[in-house]
Amino acid sequence: MLKKERYRLFVDYFSRNQPNPVTELHYSNPYELLVAVILSAQCTDKRINVVTLPLFQRFQTVEDLAASNADEIFTYIRSVSYPNNKAKHLAGMAKMLVEQFNSVVPSNLDELQKLPGVGRKTANVIASVVYDAPAIAVDTHVFRVSNRIGLTTNARTPLAVEKQLVEYLPKATLGMAHHWLILHGRYICIARRPKCEICPLTHFCKYFQSGKAALVFSKTAKVAKGKVVKLVRVKKVKLVEPGNSDENITSVT
């Protein structure tokens, strides 16, 4: 199958079945989205939504955040990944926004990346979601799913994935495609054992058609079978030697 045809099928499916995808992060303005995206690095959106609720109640504006410090911010975000670094990033980001950007989240990718804690991925999220720019952010889900489906070829870095997606996807779909790929990767095309048995994209998915999915499923089944055997063996120990403690039984397995 030609790459252009694969892209056409990808866009056709999601345009029909998920025409208005949105981020699962909770926010009400560009400032809040920027904070949430910075916090979301290597952390689930579900966790971030729990954390940002009290955080945004305390720091309702970027000026409020800029007037604080990393130590106080840390107390609100201690349950996310890398809270110390992220607290410093948020404090620095807020101060720079106030002092250099008149408290307005910039739309330009280069200006966005000047902010502490903002890399290319975060900048692309803000540009596409807030300013409707033709940009696509590549996170771990986008990277994995794009390569598995076959939307990208030999793309070994996030930037390489981004360039290929921008080249082949219609500009009007770039922002939506970001969410399509993330949600598909989060709920179906998961990292360790993709749910190919319920995936609607298998008729044009390179990963599925290569037979790798069947191999993963086979290995998973063998592991599961091995666990069943171990459980049976534990039951036999209990029956033959009922006097054994749980500690001894556990050591047998």
C-alpha atoms as a PDB file:
ATOM      1  CA  MET A   1       0.000   0.000   0.000  1.00  0.00           C
ATOM      2  CA  LEU A   2       1.293   3.442  -0.909  1.00  0.00           C
ATOM      3  CA  LYS A   3       1.856   5.878   1.928  1.00  0.00           C
ATOM      4  CA  LYS A   4      -0.579   8.408   0.433  1.00  0.00           C
ATOM      5  CA  GLU A   5      -3.325   5.780   0.451  1.00  0.00           C
ATOM      6  CA  ARG A   6      -2.579   4.916   4.073  1.00  0.00           C
ATOM      7  CA  TYR A   7      -2.878   8.575   5.023  1.00  0.00           C
ATOM      8  CA  ARG A   8      -6.138   8.883   3.110  1.00  0.00           C
ATOM      9  CA  LEU A   9      -7.639   5.920   4.944  1.00  0.00           C
ATOM     10  CA  PHE A  10      -6.401   7.275   8.289  1.00  0.00           C
ATOM     11  CA  VAL A  11      -7.952  10.710   7.743  1.00  0.00           C
ATOM     12  CA  ASP A  12     -11.165   9.255   6.310  1.00  0.00           C
ATOM     13  CA  TYR A  13     -11.733   6.983   9.301  1.00  0.00           C
ATOM     14  CA  PHE A  14     -11.139   9.553  12.016  1.00  0.00           C
ATOM     15  CA  SER A  15     -12.910  12.370  10.158  1.00  0.00           C
ATOM     16  CA  ARG A  16     -16.040  10.223  10.140  1.00  0.00           C
ATOM     17  CA  ASN A  17     -15.751   8.666  13.594  1.00  0.00           C
ATOM     18  CA  GLN A  18     -14.019  11.362  15.631  1.00  0.00           C
ATOM     19  CA  PRO A  19     -14.602  14.674  13.842  1.00  0.00           C
ATOM     20  CA  ASN A  20     -14.049  16.920  16.868  1.00  0.00           C
ATOM     21  CA  PRO A  21     -11.317  15.456  19.044  1.00  0.00           C
ATOM     22  CA  VAL A  22     -10.124  17.525  22.003  1.00  0.00           C
ATOM     23  CA  THR A  23      -7.411  17.264  24.612  1.00  0.00           C
ATOM     24  CA  GLU A  24      -8.316  15.455  27.825  1.00  0.00           C
ATOM     25  CA  LEU A  25      -6.522  18.106  29.866  1.00  0.00           C
ATOM     26  CA  HIS A  26      -8.826  20.500  31.710  1.00  0.00           C
ATOM     27  CA  TYR A  27      -8.212  24.204  31.078  1.00  0.00           C
ATOM     28  CA  SER A  28     -10.128  27.412  30.491  1.00  0.00           C
ATOM     29  CA  ASN A  29      -7.533  29.724  28.901  1.00  0.00           C
ATOM     30  CA  PRO A  30      -4.092  29.622  27.185  1.00  0.00           C
ATOM     31  CA  TYR A  31      -2.244  30.178  30.476  1.00  0.00           C
ATOM     32  CA  GLU A  32      -3.910  27.156  32.097  1.00  0.00           C
ATOM     33  CA  LEU A  33      -3.295  24.955  29.048  1.00  0.00           C
ATOM     34  CA  LEU A  34       0.379  25.922  29.030  1.00  0.00           C
ATOM     35  CA  VAL A  35       0.723  25.005  32.706  1.00  0.00           C
ATOM     36  CA  ALA A  36      -1.133  21.715  32.201  1.00  0.00           C
ATOM     37  CA  VAL A  37       0.969  20.688  29.204  1.00  0.00           C
ATOM     38  CA  ILE A  38       4.227  21.475  31.017  1.00  0.00           C
ATOM     39  CA  LEU A  39       3.055  19.323  33.923  1.00  0.00           C
ATOM     40  CA  SER A  40       1.856  16.501  31.671  1.00  0.00           C
ATOM     41  CA  ALA A  41       5.329  15.436  30.532  1.00  0.00           C
ATOM     42  CA  GLN A  42       5.693  11.736  31.479  1.00  0.00           C
ATOM     43  CA  CYS A  43       2.492  11.899  33.497  1.00  0.00           C
ATOM     44  CA  THR A  44      -1.141  10.984  32.778  1.00  0.00           C
ATOM     45  CA  ASP A  45      -3.752  13.588  31.895  1.00  0.00           C
ATOM     46  CA  LYS A  46      -5.945  12.120  34.627  1.00  0.00           C
ATOM     47  CA  ARG A  47      -3.319  12.893  37.270  1.00  0.00           C
ATOM     48  CA  ILE A  48      -2.716  16.377  35.857  1.00  0.00           C
ATOM     49  CA  ASN A  49      -6.422  17.215  36.002  1.00  0.00           C
ATOM     50  CA  VAL A  50      -6.475  16.260  39.687  1.00  0.00           C
ATOM     51  CA  VAL A  51      -3.425  18.414  40.400  1.00  0.00           C
ATOM     52  CA  THR A  52      -4.412  21.493  38.400  1.00  0.00           C
ATOM     53  CA  LEU A  53      -7.805  21.903  40.072  1.00  0.00           C
ATOM     54  CA  PRO A  54      -6.383  23.283  43.364  1.00  0.00           C
ATOM     55  CA  LEU A  55      -3.373  24.748  41.528  1.00  0.00           C
ATOM     56  CA  PHE A  56      -5.564  26.998  39.361  1.00  0.00           C
ATOM     57  CA  GLN A  57      -7.687  27.946  42.361  1.00  0.00           C
ATOM     58  CA  ARG A  58      -4.560  29.250  44.071  1.00  0.00           C
ATOM     59  CA  PHE A  59      -2.887  30.732  40.959  1.00  0.00           C
ATOM     60  CA  GLN A  60      -5.795  32.047  38.927  1.00  0.00           C
ATOM     61  CA  THR A  61      -3.653  34.188  36.628  1.00  0.00           C
ATOM     62  CA  VAL A  62      -0.124  34.089  35.308  1.00  0.00           C
ATOM     63  CA  GLU A  63       0.610  37.115  37.513  1.00  0.00           C
ATOM     64  CA  ASP A  64      -0.376  35.074  40.567  1.00  0.00           C
ATOM     65  CA  LEU A  65       2.013  32.321  39.518  1.00  0.00           C
ATOM     66  CA  ALA A  66       4.806  34.795  38.764  1.00  0.00           C
ATOM     67  CA  ALA A  67       4.482  36.308  42.236  1.00  0.00           C
ATOM     68  CA  SER A  68       5.036  32.893  43.826  1.00  0.00           C
ATOM     69  CA  ASN A  69       8.124  30.681  43.902  1.00  0.00           C
ATOM     70  CA  ALA A  70       9.134  27.101  43.128  1.00  0.00           C
ATOM     71  CA  ASP A  71       8.872  25.997  46.755  1.00  0.00           C
ATOM     72  CA  GLU A  72       5.219  26.990  47.056  1.00  0.00           C
ATOM     73  CA  ILE A  73       4.341  25.650  43.601  1.00  0.00           C
ATOM     74  CA  PHE A  74       5.934  22.331  44.548  1.00  0.00           C
ATOM     75  CA  THR A  75       3.411  21.835  47.363  1.00  0.00           C
ATOM     76  CA  TYR A  76       0.615  21.759  44.763  1.00  0.00           C
ATOM     77  CA  ILE A  77       2.306  19.492  42.220  1.00  0.00           C
ATOM     78  CA  ARG A  78       4.248  17.063  44.416  1.00  0.00           C
ATOM     79  CA  SER A  79       2.303  14.061  43.045  1.00  0.00           C
ATOM     80  CA  VAL A  80       3.336  14.564  39.394  1.00  0.00           C
ATOM     81  CA  SER A  81       6.519  13.221  37.826  1.00  0.00           C
ATOM     82  CA  TYR A  82       9.655  15.313  38.436  1.00  0.00           C
ATOM     83  CA  PRO A  83       7.864  17.862  40.649  1.00  0.00           C
ATOM     84  CA  ASN A  84      11.022  19.769  41.636  1.00  0.00           C
ATOM     85  CA  ASN A  85      12.023  20.522  38.054  1.00  0.00           C
ATOM     86  CA  LYS A  86       8.474  21.294  36.991  1.00  0.00           C
ATOM     87  CA  ALA A  87       7.971  23.681  39.902  1.00  0.00           C
ATOM     88  CA  LYS A  88      11.086  25.597  38.827  1.00  0.00           C
ATOM     89  CA  HIS A  89       9.912  25.596  35.217  1.00  0.00           C
ATOM     90  CA  LEU A  90       6.472  26.946  36.122  1.00  0.00           C
ATOM     91  CA  ALA A  91       7.921  29.699  38.279  1.00  0.00           C
ATOM     92  CA  GLY A  92      10.384  30.729  35.566  1.00  0.00           C
ATOM     93  CA  MET A  93       7.798  30.450  32.789  1.00  0.00           C
ATOM     94  CA  ALA A  94       5.331  32.699  34.621  1.00  0.00           C
ATOM     95  CA  LYS A  95       7.940  35.356  35.361  1.00  0.00           C
ATOM     96  CA  MET A  96       9.092  35.419  31.733  1.00  0.00           C
ATOM     97  CA  LEU A  97       5.528  35.636  30.445  1.00  0.00           C
ATOM     98  CA  VAL A  98       4.833  38.623  32.676  1.00  0.00           C
ATOM     99  CA  GLU A  99       8.125  40.419  32.121  1.00  0.00           C
ATOM    100  CA  GLN A 100       8.785  39.733  28.440  1.00  0.00           C
ATOM    101  CA  PHE A 101       5.421  38.890  26.870  1.00  0.00           C
ATOM    102  CA  ASN A 102       3.038  41.192  28.729  1.00  0.00           C
ATOM    103  CA  SER A 103       1.376  38.145  30.352  1.00  0.00           C
ATOM    104  CA  VAL A 104       0.221  36.840  26.963  1.00  0.00           C
ATOM    105  CA  VAL A 105       1.092  33.298  25.837  1.00  0.00           C
ATOM    106  CA  PRO A 106       2.885  33.789  22.501  1.00  0.00           C
ATOM    107  CA  SER A 107       1.790  32.068  19.307  1.00  0.00           C
ATOM    108  CA  ASN A 108       5.222  31.897  17.696  1.00  0.00           C
ATOM    109  CA  LEU A 109       7.007  28.550  18.116  1.00  0.00           C
ATOM    110  CA  ASP A 110      10.425  30.123  18.647  1.00  0.00           C
ATOM    111  CA  GLU A 111       9.103  32.502  21.305  1.00  0.00           C
ATOM    112  CA  LEU A 112       7.214  29.711  23.042  1.00  0.00           C
ATOM    113  CA  GLN A 113      10.377  27.613  23.259  1.00  0.00           C
ATOM    114  CA  LYS A 114      12.176  30.411  25.067  1.00  0.00           C
ATOM    115  CA  LEU A 115       9.909  29.775  28.061  1.00  0.00           C
ATOM    116  CA  PRO A 116      11.299  27.477  30.789  1.00  0.00           C
ATOM    117  CA  GLY A 117       9.847  23.983  30.542  1.00  0.00           C
ATOM    118  CA  VAL A 118       8.601  24.477  26.989  1.00  0.00           C
ATOM    119  CA  GLY A 119      10.093  22.245  24.313  1.00  0.00           C
ATOM    120  CA  ARG A 120       9.008  21.740  20.737  1.00  0.00           C
ATOM    121  CA  LYS A 121       6.194  19.346  21.675  1.00  0.00           C
ATOM    122  CA  THR A 122       4.618  21.750  24.169  1.00  0.00           C
ATOM    123  CA  ALA A 123       5.069  24.678  21.789  1.00  0.00           C
ATOM    124  CA  ASN A 124       3.285  22.769  19.024  1.00  0.00           C
ATOM    125  CA  VAL A 125       0.392  21.909  21.358  1.00  0.00           C
ATOM    126  CA  ILE A 126      -0.116  25.567  22.269  1.00  0.00           C
ATOM    127  CA  ALA A 127       0.254  26.752  18.676  1.00  0.00           C
ATOM    128  CA  SER A 128      -2.237  24.225  17.296  1.00  0.00           C
ATOM    129  CA  VAL A 129      -4.801  24.140  20.110  1.00  0.00           C
ATOM    130  CA  VAL A 130      -4.830  27.808  21.123  1.00  0.00           C
ATOM    131  CA  TYR A 131      -3.939  29.528  17.863  1.00  0.00           C
ATOM    132  CA  ASP A 132      -5.153  26.939  15.337  1.00  0.00           C
ATOM    133  CA  ALA A 133      -1.737  26.869  13.673  1.00  0.00           C
ATOM    134  CA  PRO A 134      -0.899  24.065  11.209  1.00  0.00           C
ATOM    135  CA  ALA A 135       1.357  22.242  13.668  1.00  0.00           C
ATOM    136  CA  ILE A 136       1.407  18.790  15.219  1.00  0.00           C
ATOM    137  CA  ALA A 137       2.947  17.867  18.551  1.00  0.00           C
ATOM    138  CA  VAL A 138       4.745  14.528  18.770  1.00  0.00           C
ATOM    139  CA  ASP A 139       4.583  12.837  22.158  1.00  0.00           C
ATOM    140  CA  THR A 140       5.214   9.179  22.959  1.00  0.00           C
ATOM    141  CA  HIS A 141       1.766   8.106  21.695  1.00  0.00           C
ATOM    142  CA  VAL A 142       2.011  10.022  18.417  1.00  0.00           C
ATOM    143  CA  PHE A 143       5.528   8.688  17.877  1.00  0.00           C
ATOM    144  CA  ARG A 144       4.559   5.065  18.527  1.00  0.00           C
ATOM    145  CA  VAL A 145       1.257   4.970  16.632  1.00  0.00           C
ATOM    146  CA  SER A 146       2.576   6.825  13.574  1.00  0.00           C
ATOM    147  CA  ASN A 147       5.398   4.331  13.202  1.00  0.00           C
ATOM    148  CA  ARG A 148       3.196   1.299  13.854  1.00  0.00           C
ATOM    149  CA  ILE A 149       0.473   2.252  11.415  1.00  0.00           C
ATOM    150  CA  GLY A 150       3.014   3.141   8.764  1.00  0.00           C
ATOM    151  CA  LEU A 151       2.339   6.848   8.524  1.00  0.00           C
ATOM    152  CA  THR A 152       6.054   7.362   9.011  1.00  0.00           C
ATOM    153  CA  THR A 153       9.056   5.518   7.608  1.00  0.00           C
ATOM    154  CA  ASN A 154      12.393   5.175   9.406  1.00  0.00           C
ATOM    155  CA  ALA A 155      11.457   8.098  11.649  1.00  0.00           C
ATOM    156  CA  ARG A 156      13.731   7.638  14.656  1.00  0.00           C
ATOM    157  CA  THR A 157      13.188  11.006  16.352  1.00  0.00           C
ATOM    158  CA  PRO A 158      10.110  13.078  17.265  1.00  0.00           C
ATOM    159  CA  LEU A 159      11.227  15.760  14.804  1.00  0.00           C
ATOM    160  CA  ALA A 160      11.482  13.218  11.983  1.00  0.00           C
ATOM    161  CA  VAL A 161       7.951  11.990  12.790  1.00  0.00           C
ATOM    162  CA  GLU A 162       6.662  15.562  12.887  1.00  0.00           C
ATOM    163  CA  LYS A 163       8.171  16.405   9.483  1.00  0.00           C
ATOM    164  CA  GLN A 164       6.623  13.377   7.795  1.00  0.00           C
ATOM    165  CA  LEU A 165       3.197  13.966   9.329  1.00  0.00           C
ATOM    166  CA  VAL A 166       3.263  17.629   8.292  1.00  0.00           C
ATOM    167  CA  GLU A 167       4.307  16.630   4.771  1.00  0.00           C
ATOM    168  CA  TYR A 168       1.527  14.108   4.170  1.00  0.00           C
ATOM    169  CA  LEU A 169      -1.420  15.216   6.310  1.00  0.00           C
ATOM    170  CA  PRO A 170      -3.753  17.927   4.979  1.00  0.00           C
ATOM    171  CA  LYS A 171      -2.997  21.145   6.879  1.00  0.00           C
ATOM    172  CA  ALA A 172      -6.566  21.425   8.115  1.00  0.00           C
ATOM    173  CA  THR A 173      -6.267  18.075   9.905  1.00  0.00           C
ATOM    174  CA  LEU A 174      -2.909  18.532  11.672  1.00  0.00           C
ATOM    175  CA  GLY A 175      -4.369  19.703  14.990  1.00  0.00           C
ATOM    176  CA  MET A 176      -7.020  16.986  14.962  1.00  0.00           C
ATOM    177  CA  ALA A 177      -4.531  14.297  13.928  1.00  0.00           C
ATOM    178  CA  HIS A 178      -2.509  15.065  17.056  1.00  0.00           C
ATOM    179  CA  HIS A 179      -5.511  14.112  19.203  1.00  0.00           C
ATOM    180  CA  TRP A 180      -6.486  11.189  16.977  1.00  0.00           C
ATOM    181  CA  LEU A 181      -3.071   9.603  17.389  1.00  0.00           C
ATOM    182  CA  ILE A 182      -2.843  10.318  21.118  1.00  0.00           C
ATOM    183  CA  LEU A 183      -6.272   8.890  21.929  1.00  0.00           C
ATOM    184  CA  HIS A 184      -5.726   5.862  19.694  1.00  0.00           C
ATOM    185  CA  GLY A 185      -2.395   5.214  21.398  1.00  0.00           C
ATOM    186  CA  ARG A 186      -3.810   5.733  24.865  1.00  0.00           C
ATOM    187  CA  TYR A 187      -6.776   3.381  24.560  1.00  0.00           C
ATOM    188  CA  ILE A 188      -6.146   0.934  21.696  1.00  0.00           C
ATOM    189  CA  CYS A 189      -2.608   0.993  20.292  1.00  0.00           C
ATOM    190  CA  ILE A 190      -1.026   0.786  23.732  1.00  0.00           C
ATOM    191  CA  ALA A 191       2.705   0.267  24.120  1.00  0.00           C
ATOM    192  CA  ARG A 192       3.181  -3.262  25.450  1.00  0.00           C
ATOM    193  CA  ARG A 193       0.311  -5.143  23.900  1.00  0.00           C
ATOM    194  CA  PRO A 194      -1.757  -3.221  21.364  1.00  0.00           C
ATOM    195  CA  LYS A 195      -5.424  -4.182  21.261  1.00  0.00           C
ATOM    196  CA  CYS A 196      -5.363  -5.196  17.601  1.00  0.00           C
ATOM    197  CA  GLU A 197      -8.396  -7.439  18.100  1.00  0.00           C
ATOM    198  CA  ILE A 198     -10.625  -4.361  18.526  1.00  0.00           C
ATOM    199  CA  CYS A 199      -8.675  -1.897  16.377  1.00  0.00           C
ATOM    200  CA  PRO A 200     -10.603  -0.458  13.392  1.00  0.00           C
ATOM    201  CA  LEU A 201      -7.397   0.389  11.506  1.00  0.00           C
ATOM    202  CA  THR A 202      -5.996  -3.102  10.926  1.00  0.00           C
ATOM    203  CA  HIS A 203      -6.945  -3.108   7.217  1.00  0.00           C
ATOM    204  CA  PHE A 204      -4.257  -0.494   6.569  1.00  0.00           C
ATOM    205  CA  CYS A 205      -1.978  -0.864   9.612  1.00  0.00           C
ATOM    206  CA  LYS A 206       1.559  -1.873   8.698  1.00  0.00           C
ATOM    207  CA  TYR A 207       2.235  -3.323  12.160  1.00  0.00           C
ATOM    208  CA  PHE A 208      -0.813  -5.596  12.054  1.00  0.00           C
ATOM    209  CA  GLN A 209      -0.219  -6.718   8.479  1.00  0.00           C
ATOM    210  CA  SER A 210       3.405  -7.571   9.235  1.00  0.00           C
ATOM    211  CA  GLY A 211       2.249 -10.264  11.660  1.00  0.00           C
ATOM    212  CA  LYS A 212       3.972  -8.655  14.655  1.00  0.00           C
ATOM    213  CA  ALA A 213       0.638  -8.267  16.432  1.00  0.00           C
ATOM    214  CA  ALA A 214       0.012 -12.026  16.264  1.00  0.00           C
ATOM    215  CA  LEU A 215       3.501 -12.680  17.632  1.00  0.00           C
ATOM    216  CA  VAL A 216       2.935 -10.349  20.603  1.00  0.00           C
ATOM    217  CA  PHE A 217      -0.436 -11.943  21.300  1.00  0.00           C
ATOM    218  CA  SER A 218       1.136 -15.414  21.164  1.00  0.00           C
ATOM    219  CA  LYS A 219       3.858 -14.444  23.641  1.00  0.00           C
ATOM    220  CA  THR A 220       1.272 -12.868  25.946  1.00  0.00           C
ATOM    221  CA  ALA A 221      -0.820 -16.056  25.832  1.00  0.00           C
ATOM    222  CA  LYS A 222       2.210 -18.176  26.698  1.00  0.00           C
ATOM    223  CA  VAL A 223       3.025 -15.965  29.665  1.00  0.00           C
ATOM    224  CA  ALA A 224      -0.579 -16.154  30.820  1.00  0.00           C
ATOM    225  CA  LYS A 225      -0.543 -19.945  30.443  1.00  0.00           C
ATOM    226  CA  GLY A 226       2.629 -20.124  32.501  1.00  0.00           C
ATOM    227  CA  LYS A 227       0.967 -18.179  35.291  1.00  0.00           C
ATOM    228  CA  VAL A 228      -1.967 -20.596  35.300  1.00  0.00           C
ATOM    229  CA  VAL A 229       0.418 -23.545  35.646  1.00  0.00           C
ATOM    230  CA  LYS A 230       2.126 -21.897  38.612  1.00  0.00           C
ATOM    231  CA  LEU A 231      -1.208 -21.352  40.303  1.00  0.00           C
ATOM    232  CA  VAL A 232      -2.098 -25.015  39.862  1.00  0.00           C
ATOM    233  CA  ARG A 233       1.225 -26.046  41.375  1.00  0.00           C
ATOM    234  CA  VAL A 234       0.568 -23.843  44.393  1.00  0.00           C
ATOM    235  CA  LYS A 235      -2.816 -25.502  44.842  1.00  0.00           C
ATOM    236  CA  LYS A 236      -1.134 -28.930  44.883  1.00  0.00           C
ATOM    237  CA  VAL A 237       1.228 -27.796  47.619  1.00  0.00           C
ATOM    238  CA  LYS A 238      -1.716 -26.691  49.702  1.00  0.00           C
ATOM    239  CA  LEU A 239      -3.455 -30.024  49.251  1.00  0.00           C
ATOM    240  CA  VAL A 240      -0.445 -32.236  49.924  1.00  0.00           C
ATOM    241  CA  GLU A 241       1.048 -30.201  52.733  1.00  0.00           C
ATOM    242  CA  PRO A 242      -1.805 -28.325  54.423  1.00  0.00           C
ATOM    243  CA  GLY A 243       0.436 -27.402  57.327  1.00  0.00           C
ATOM    244  CA  ASN A 244       2.661 -25.132  55.220  1.00  0.00           C
ATOM    245  CA  SER A 245       2.434 -21.419  55.896  1.00  0.00           C
ATOM    246  CA  ASP A 246       1.620 -18.878  53.181  1.00  0.00           C
ATOM    247  CA  GLU A 247       5.234 -17.782  53.360  1.00  0.00           C
ATOM    248  CA  ASN A 248       6.439 -21.247  52.357  1.00  0.00           C
ATOM    249  CA  ILE A 249       3.857 -21.528  49.595  1.00  0.00           C
ATOM    250  CA  THR A 250       4.920 -18.215  48.156  1.00  0.00           C
ATOM    251  CA  SER A 251       8.545 -19.342  48.122  1.00  0.00           C
ATOM    252  CA  VAL A 252       7.557 -22.409  46.104  1.00  0.00           C
ATOM    253  CA  THR A 253       6.106 -20.265  43.287  1.00  0.00           C
END
